[in-house]
C-alpha cells in the first residue's frame, strides 16, 4: 500500500504520545544519565514548521479496570502546551520532527473535553479525584515530573501510505527510556504556510516498559491499553 505522499505528512507525532502513562511506573534512572537506547540523530534538513500550541491538542484516554472498577473513573489527560519543530525536506522519507510535552502542562478531566468523549466519560469527576489523579501521575512513582519534566517524541523517517496518510517511525522518551513506536497520521494543508496533522492510536503501557497501576490485589486497576488522539497545527518559518 506504500506510495508517494505530500510534503505535509512529515510530522508527526506519534506523538504521541505515548506519553501519559497514568497509573504506571518505570524503573528509575539517574536524571543526568543517558538513555540506554539513545542514538545520535542526523542534523535535520528541509523547511522548518513550528508547532502552534494554541491550535494543537493531545489527549490520552485512560480506562478503569478490575472487579471494583465501578468505584473509580475513566480519566482524560490533555496537554495544550505542545511545542516542537518539523523539518520537511525534498525527500519526504527523511522528514525530521521533535515534539515536546511538558508534564506540568498536563490536565486531568477538563469538563469541556470530557463532554466530547461520549458516555464512557460522562460521569462527573470530583475536584478531589482530579487533583489526586494529577498529583499521583506527576509524582515520583509514575512520571516523576520533577526529575523528568517532559516527554520527547522524535522521528527521522516516514513510510508513505496514501495521499493524505503516512506512518511516522518515532522514538518516545519517557522517564529517560526510549521506545520505538509507529504512528499512523492524517495530514492536510490549511493554508500555503500551515499544515495540520491528526491521528489516533491505541497503545499499551507495557509497550513502553511501564506497569499499569493496580491496587487491592488487582481489584482496582488501570487498563493496560490507553487511547491517544492528537491534532497538531504547524506554521512555516
Foldseek 3Di string as FASTA:
>chain_A
DFDDEDLQPQDDDVPDDDDQAFQKAADADQLPDAAPPDDDDDDAAAFKWKWDLQPKKKKKWWAKDAQPRVVDATKIKMASDKTWMWHGHPPNFQIKIKIKGFLVRIFIPDPVVLVPVPDSSPDDDDPVRRVVRSCRRCPPRHQVCVSVGIKMKIAGGWTGDDHFKIKTFIWIAGNNYTATDIFIWGKDAPDPFKIKIKGKDKDFPVSRVIDWHADPNRRITIDRIMMMIIMIMIGTD
